[in-house]
Amino acid sequence: MNMMNGWVILSIVALLFLSMYIYANIFVFLQRIREKKKRKEELHKLELIKQEKEKKAQIREEKFQKIRDRSEEIKRELKRLELLKAEKMKAQKA
């Protein structure tokens, strides 16, 4: 019976030290989890910002391309009109 009481007391003391160790380290563990979650959220926000910038750049490039195309179209039309004018002038001189 005395031996059994010794094991019970030893188990209680071991459980006490184990619970103290867990209690002391649980906050460190929870802090690490929070930091990982925060870091993950920040990376997600940065990725969203990057995607938004890429989307805006693509829209801007499309607008510039439309403007370039329109400019080229106007230049071609002006050249065509100049040729028509030159032909008309030649026809009037002759």
N, C-alpha and C. Protein backbone atom coordinates (compact mmCIF):
# COMPACT_ATOMS: atom_id res chain seq x y z
N MET A 1 0.82 -1.19 0.00
CA MET A 1 0.00 0.00 0.00
C MET A 1 0.86 1.26 0.00
N ASN A 2 1.95 1.24 0.77
CA ASN A 2 2.84 2.40 0.82
C ASN A 2 3.49 2.66 -0.53
N MET A 3 3.85 1.58 -1.23
CA MET A 3 4.48 1.72 -2.53
C MET A 3 3.50 2.34 -3.52
N MET A 4 2.24 1.96 -3.40
CA MET A 4 1.22 2.47 -4.31
C MET A 4 1.01 3.96 -4.07
N ASN A 5 1.01 4.38 -2.81
CA ASN A 5 0.87 5.80 -2.49
C ASN A 5 2.04 6.60 -3.04
N GLY A 6 3.21 6.02 -3.01
CA GLY A 6 4.41 6.68 -3.55
C GLY A 6 4.26 6.93 -5.05
N TRP A 7 3.76 5.94 -5.75
CA TRP A 7 3.57 6.09 -7.21
C TRP A 7 2.49 7.12 -7.51
N VAL A 8 1.47 7.17 -6.72
CA VAL A 8 0.41 8.16 -6.92
C VAL A 8 0.95 9.57 -6.71
N ILE A 9 1.71 9.74 -5.62
CA ILE A 9 2.29 11.05 -5.33
C ILE A 9 3.26 11.44 -6.44
N LEU A 10 4.10 10.51 -6.88
CA LEU A 10 5.06 10.78 -7.95
C LEU A 10 4.32 11.14 -9.25
N SER A 11 3.24 10.46 -9.53
CA SER A 11 2.43 10.76 -10.73
C SER A 11 1.82 12.15 -10.64
N ILE A 12 1.33 12.50 -9.46
CA ILE A 12 0.73 13.83 -9.26
C ILE A 12 1.78 14.92 -9.45
N VAL A 13 2.98 14.70 -8.88
CA VAL A 13 4.06 15.69 -9.02
C VAL A 13 4.48 15.80 -10.49
N ALA A 14 4.59 14.67 -11.18
CA ALA A 14 4.96 14.69 -12.61
C ALA A 14 3.88 15.41 -13.42
N LEU A 15 2.63 15.13 -13.11
CA LEU A 15 1.52 15.79 -13.80
C LEU A 15 1.53 17.30 -13.52
N LEU A 16 1.86 17.67 -12.29
CA LEU A 16 1.97 19.09 -11.94
C LEU A 16 3.05 19.78 -12.77
N PHE A 17 4.25 19.16 -12.84
CA PHE A 17 5.32 19.77 -13.63
C PHE A 17 4.99 19.79 -15.12
N LEU A 18 4.35 18.75 -15.59
CA LEU A 18 3.95 18.70 -16.99
C LEU A 18 2.93 19.79 -17.31
N SER A 19 1.96 19.98 -16.43
CA SER A 19 0.96 21.02 -16.66
C SER A 19 1.59 22.41 -16.58
N MET A 20 2.56 22.61 -15.69
CA MET A 20 3.25 23.90 -15.61
C MET A 20 4.03 24.16 -16.90
N TYR A 21 4.67 23.14 -17.43
CA TYR A 21 5.43 23.27 -18.69
C TYR A 21 4.48 23.62 -19.84
N ILE A 22 3.37 22.92 -19.90
CA ILE A 22 2.40 23.18 -20.98
C ILE A 22 1.83 24.59 -20.83
N TYR A 23 1.49 24.99 -19.62
CA TYR A 23 0.93 26.32 -19.38
C TYR A 23 1.94 27.41 -19.77
N ALA A 24 3.21 27.18 -19.48
CA ALA A 24 4.23 28.18 -19.81
C ALA A 24 4.45 28.29 -21.31
N ASN A 25 4.34 27.19 -22.02
CA ASN A 25 4.66 27.20 -23.45
C ASN A 25 3.45 27.36 -24.36
N ILE A 26 2.25 27.26 -23.83
CA ILE A 26 1.05 27.37 -24.67
C ILE A 26 0.96 28.76 -25.29
N PHE A 27 1.38 29.80 -24.54
CA PHE A 27 1.29 31.16 -25.06
C PHE A 27 2.30 31.38 -26.19
N VAL A 28 3.46 30.77 -26.06
CA VAL A 28 4.45 30.86 -27.14
C VAL A 28 3.90 30.16 -28.39
N PHE A 29 3.32 29.01 -28.19
CA PHE A 29 2.75 28.26 -29.31
C PHE A 29 1.61 29.04 -29.98
N LEU A 30 0.72 29.61 -29.17
CA LEU A 30 -0.39 30.39 -29.72
C LEU A 30 0.11 31.65 -30.44
N GLN A 31 1.17 32.28 -29.91
CA GLN A 31 1.74 33.46 -30.55
C GLN A 31 2.32 33.09 -31.92
N ARG A 32 2.98 31.96 -32.00
CA ARG A 32 3.52 31.51 -33.29
C ARG A 32 2.39 31.28 -34.30
N ILE A 33 1.31 30.70 -33.85
CA ILE A 33 0.17 30.46 -34.73
C ILE A 33 -0.39 31.80 -35.22
N ARG A 34 -0.53 32.76 -34.31
CA ARG A 34 -1.05 34.08 -34.70
C ARG A 34 -0.12 34.76 -35.70
N GLU A 35 1.19 34.66 -35.46
CA GLU A 35 2.15 35.28 -36.37
C GLU A 35 2.09 34.64 -37.76
N LYS A 36 1.98 33.32 -37.82
CA LYS A 36 1.86 32.65 -39.10
C LYS A 36 0.59 33.08 -39.84
N LYS A 37 -0.49 33.17 -39.10
CA LYS A 37 -1.76 33.59 -39.70
C LYS A 37 -1.66 35.03 -40.21
N LYS A 38 -1.05 35.90 -39.41
CA LYS A 38 -0.88 37.29 -39.81
C LYS A 38 0.01 37.40 -41.04
N ARG A 39 1.10 36.65 -41.06
CA ARG A 39 2.02 36.65 -42.20
C ARG A 39 1.31 36.16 -43.46
N LYS A 40 0.48 35.13 -43.29
CA LYS A 40 -0.26 34.59 -44.42
C LYS A 40 -1.26 35.62 -44.96
N GLU A 41 -1.93 36.33 -44.07
CA GLU A 41 -2.87 37.37 -44.48
C GLU A 41 -2.14 38.51 -45.21
N GLU A 42 -0.96 38.89 -44.70
CA GLU A 42 -0.19 39.95 -45.35
C GLU A 42 0.24 39.53 -46.76
N LEU A 43 0.68 38.28 -46.89
CA LEU A 43 1.06 37.78 -48.21
C LEU A 43 -0.14 37.77 -49.16
N HIS A 44 -1.29 37.41 -48.62
CA HIS A 44 -2.51 37.41 -49.44
C HIS A 44 -2.85 38.84 -49.89
N LYS A 45 -2.74 39.79 -48.97
CA LYS A 45 -3.01 41.19 -49.32
C LYS A 45 -2.02 41.68 -50.38
N LEU A 46 -0.75 41.34 -50.21
CA LEU A 46 0.25 41.74 -51.19
C LEU A 46 -0.04 41.12 -52.56
N GLU A 47 -0.48 39.88 -52.56
CA GLU A 47 -0.83 39.21 -53.82
C GLU A 47 -2.02 39.90 -54.49
N LEU A 48 -3.01 40.28 -53.69
CA LEU A 48 -4.16 41.00 -54.24
C LEU A 48 -3.75 42.35 -54.83
N ILE A 49 -2.86 43.06 -54.12
CA ILE A 49 -2.37 44.34 -54.62
C ILE A 49 -1.60 44.14 -55.92
N LYS A 50 -0.78 43.10 -55.97
CA LYS A 50 -0.01 42.81 -57.18
C LYS A 50 -0.95 42.50 -58.35
N GLN A 51 -1.98 41.70 -58.11
CA GLN A 51 -2.93 41.37 -59.16
C GLN A 51 -3.68 42.61 -59.63
N GLU A 52 -4.03 43.48 -58.69
CA GLU A 52 -4.73 44.72 -59.05
C GLU A 52 -3.83 45.61 -59.92
N LYS A 53 -2.55 45.71 -59.56
CA LYS A 53 -1.62 46.50 -60.36
C LYS A 53 -1.47 45.92 -61.76
N GLU A 54 -1.37 44.61 -61.84
CA GLU A 54 -1.25 43.97 -63.15
C GLU A 54 -2.50 44.22 -64.00
N LYS A 55 -3.66 44.15 -63.36
CA LYS A 55 -4.92 44.38 -64.06
C LYS A 55 -4.98 45.82 -64.58
N LYS A 56 -4.60 46.78 -63.74
CA LYS A 56 -4.59 48.18 -64.15
C LYS A 56 -3.59 48.41 -65.29
N ALA A 57 -2.42 47.79 -65.19
CA ALA A 57 -1.42 47.93 -66.25
C ALA A 57 -1.93 47.35 -67.56
N GLN A 58 -2.62 46.24 -67.49
CA GLN A 58 -3.18 45.63 -68.70
C GLN A 58 -4.24 46.54 -69.32
N ILE A 59 -5.11 47.09 -68.50
CA ILE A 59 -6.14 48.02 -69.00
C ILE A 59 -5.49 49.24 -69.63
N ARG A 60 -4.46 49.77 -68.97
CA ARG A 60 -3.74 50.93 -69.49
C ARG A 60 -3.09 50.60 -70.84
N GLU A 61 -2.49 49.43 -70.92
CA GLU A 61 -1.85 49.01 -72.17
C GLU A 61 -2.88 48.86 -73.28
N GLU A 62 -4.04 48.31 -72.96
CA GLU A 62 -5.09 48.18 -73.96
C GLU A 62 -5.55 49.55 -74.46
N LYS A 63 -5.69 50.50 -73.55
CA LYS A 63 -6.08 51.85 -73.95
C LYS A 63 -5.03 52.48 -74.85
N PHE A 64 -3.75 52.34 -74.47
CA PHE A 64 -2.67 52.89 -75.29
C PHE A 64 -2.65 52.24 -76.67
N GLN A 65 -2.91 50.93 -76.71
CA GLN A 65 -2.92 50.23 -78.00
C GLN A 65 -4.06 50.76 -78.87
N LYS A 66 -5.22 50.99 -78.29
CA LYS A 66 -6.34 51.55 -79.05
C LYS A 66 -5.99 52.93 -79.58
N ILE A 67 -5.35 53.75 -78.73
CA ILE A 67 -4.95 55.09 -79.16
C ILE A 67 -3.93 55.00 -80.30
N ARG A 68 -2.94 54.10 -80.19
CA ARG A 68 -1.95 53.92 -81.25
C ARG A 68 -2.61 53.48 -82.56
N ASP A 69 -3.53 52.52 -82.44
CA ASP A 69 -4.22 52.04 -83.63
C ASP A 69 -5.02 53.16 -84.28
N ARG A 70 -5.70 53.93 -83.48
CA ARG A 70 -6.49 55.05 -84.02
C ARG A 70 -5.57 56.08 -84.67
N SER A 71 -4.44 56.36 -84.04
CA SER A 71 -3.47 57.30 -84.60
C SER A 71 -2.97 56.82 -85.96
N GLU A 72 -2.64 55.55 -86.05
CA GLU A 72 -2.18 54.99 -87.33
C GLU A 72 -3.28 55.07 -88.38
N GLU A 73 -4.51 54.81 -87.97
CA GLU A 73 -5.63 54.89 -88.90
C GLU A 73 -5.80 56.33 -89.42
N ILE A 74 -5.67 57.29 -88.53
CA ILE A 74 -5.79 58.70 -88.93
C ILE A 74 -4.66 59.08 -89.88
N LYS A 75 -3.42 58.62 -89.58
CA LYS A 75 -2.29 58.91 -90.47
C LYS A 75 -2.52 58.33 -91.86
N ARG A 76 -3.00 57.10 -91.91
CA ARG A 76 -3.28 56.49 -93.22
C ARG A 76 -4.34 57.27 -93.98
N GLU A 77 -5.37 57.69 -93.26
CA GLU A 77 -6.45 58.45 -93.89
C GLU A 77 -5.94 59.80 -94.41
N LEU A 78 -5.07 60.45 -93.64
CA LEU A 78 -4.50 61.72 -94.08
C LEU A 78 -3.64 61.53 -95.33
N LYS A 79 -2.85 60.47 -95.36
CA LYS A 79 -2.03 60.19 -96.55
C LYS A 79 -2.92 59.93 -97.76
N ARG A 80 -3.99 59.19 -97.54
CA ARG A 80 -4.91 58.90 -98.65
C ARG A 80 -5.53 60.19 -99.17
N LEU A 81 -5.93 61.07 -98.23
CA LEU A 81 -6.53 62.34 -98.64
C LEU A 81 -5.52 63.22 -99.38
N GLU A 82 -4.26 63.21 -98.92
CA GLU A 82 -3.21 63.98 -99.61
C GLU A 82 -3.00 63.46 -101.02
N LEU A 83 -3.02 62.14 -101.18
CA LEU A 83 -2.87 61.56 -102.52
C LEU A 83 -4.05 61.96 -103.41
N LEU A 84 -5.25 61.91 -102.86
CA LEU A 84 -6.42 62.33 -103.63
C LEU A 84 -6.31 63.80 -104.03
N LYS A 85 -5.84 64.62 -103.11
CA LYS A 85 -5.68 66.04 -103.40
C LYS A 85 -4.63 66.26 -104.48
N ALA A 86 -3.52 65.54 -104.40
CA ALA A 86 -2.46 65.65 -105.40
C ALA A 86 -2.98 65.22 -106.77
N GLU A 87 -3.74 64.12 -106.81
CA GLU A 87 -4.30 63.64 -108.09
C GLU A 87 -5.28 64.66 -108.65
N LYS A 88 -6.07 65.26 -107.78
CA LYS A 88 -7.04 66.27 -108.21
C LYS A 88 -6.32 67.49 -108.79
N MET A 89 -5.21 67.88 -108.15
CA MET A 89 -4.43 69.03 -108.62
C MET A 89 -3.82 68.72 -109.99
N LYS A 90 -3.33 67.49 -110.17
CA LYS A 90 -2.77 67.09 -111.46
C LYS A 90 -3.85 67.08 -112.54
N ALA A 91 -5.05 66.63 -112.16
CA ALA A 91 -6.16 66.57 -113.13
C ALA A 91 -6.59 68.00 -113.52
N GLN A 92 -6.54 68.93 -112.59
CA GLN A 92 -6.94 70.31 -112.88
C GLN A 92 -5.90 71.00 -113.75
N LYS A 93 -4.60 70.70 -113.57
CA LYS A 93 -3.53 71.31 -114.37
C LYS A 93 -3.58 70.78 -115.81
N ALA A 94 -3.97 69.57 -115.99
CA ALA A 94 -3.95 68.98 -117.30
C ALA A 94 -5.13 69.35 -118.12
